[in-house]
Amino acid sequence: MFRKIIFAIALLPSISLSQELRCNVSVNSQRIQGTNRTLFQNMQTAIYEFMNNTTWTNHVYGFDERIECSIMLNITEQIGSDEFKGTLQVQSRRPVFNSSYNTTMLNFQDNNLHFRFHEFEKLEFSESSHLDNLSSILAFYAYIILGLDYDSFSRLGGTEYFQKAERIVNNAQNAVERGWKAYEGNRKNRYWMIENLLNQKYQPLREVQYRYHRLGLDVMSEKVAEGRNEIAESLVLLQRVYREKPDPYLFALQLFFDAKSDELVNIFSESFPTEKARVVNILTEIDNPNASKYKRILEQTSN
């Protein structure tokens, strides 16, 4: 049974909450010389426990229903004994019904990783205030992962979790670290990620998450052509967003294709010629940086 068909805890007061994420965590500190390696091992453990032991929703998850995800910290600079800079790679996956295949939902590198870590203190998070940058960043991505996952099981089902991520951004507006504000960089930070995900002009993209996954991938084990056609039709919604250009950077579209471009090639390489041509035309228009990748669809011979 899909994880979204889960009883709310309010209806089951006798059942304790269970954690939602099965998050693999790695910390790479190879660029930091002459420091205590135990510090980074403890950092990895603290982040692992924070992501996997925090209760993020009021839903009951079975162990096998936890969302597969990964957090990879690459520490590039140690400013002081407890202050660090680097990058953060965040990925999440979702199982496809009646198969052993997991589809990528999020694949994003955050280049604004700047935080303090006190080796023997447990990471703490509050929805009402910005306690520290590391816990706020991790919680932000936990809610992004949840929101994308819920969107894929029901139309706009992730709104509650995106709103929680937005609250984290709002709480961090006075933080000195980068990544939380509208005016920073090239509009590809945490502020703009959640702004796009909750922007009404990008709503068709969130509707695509449901059509692509629940009505497309999830039916392909039994009805390949029907599921593939639903995915093709969902690309038309993405094309509409692209042509309306809600913002000049189309960050939300880039997030989608960073997760899905390879998968789209695999899905449509086995399609029939007319559908291949139609899909390639759409994809090369709305995701031109990957145009050469999509042309491989036309080179594949259907079985």
Foldseek 3Di string as FASTA:
>chain_A
DAQVPFDFCVVVVVDDAAAAADEAEEEAEPLDPDDDPVLRVLVRVLLNCLRHVDHLHRTHDDPVNHWYKYKYWYWNDDPDPFKTAGKIWIWTWDDAAPDPDIATQFTDMARQDIWGDDRPDHDDDDLQACPTDVSLVSLLVSLVNQLLVLLQADPSRSVVSLVSSQSSLVRCPPPPTDQRDCPDDDLQGSPNQSCLVPPPLNSLVSNLSNQLGVVARNCCVPPLVRNLVSNLVSLVSVLVSQVVCPDPVPNVVVRRCVRPVLVNLVSQLQPDDVSLVSSLVSCCVRPVVCSVVSVVSVVHDHD
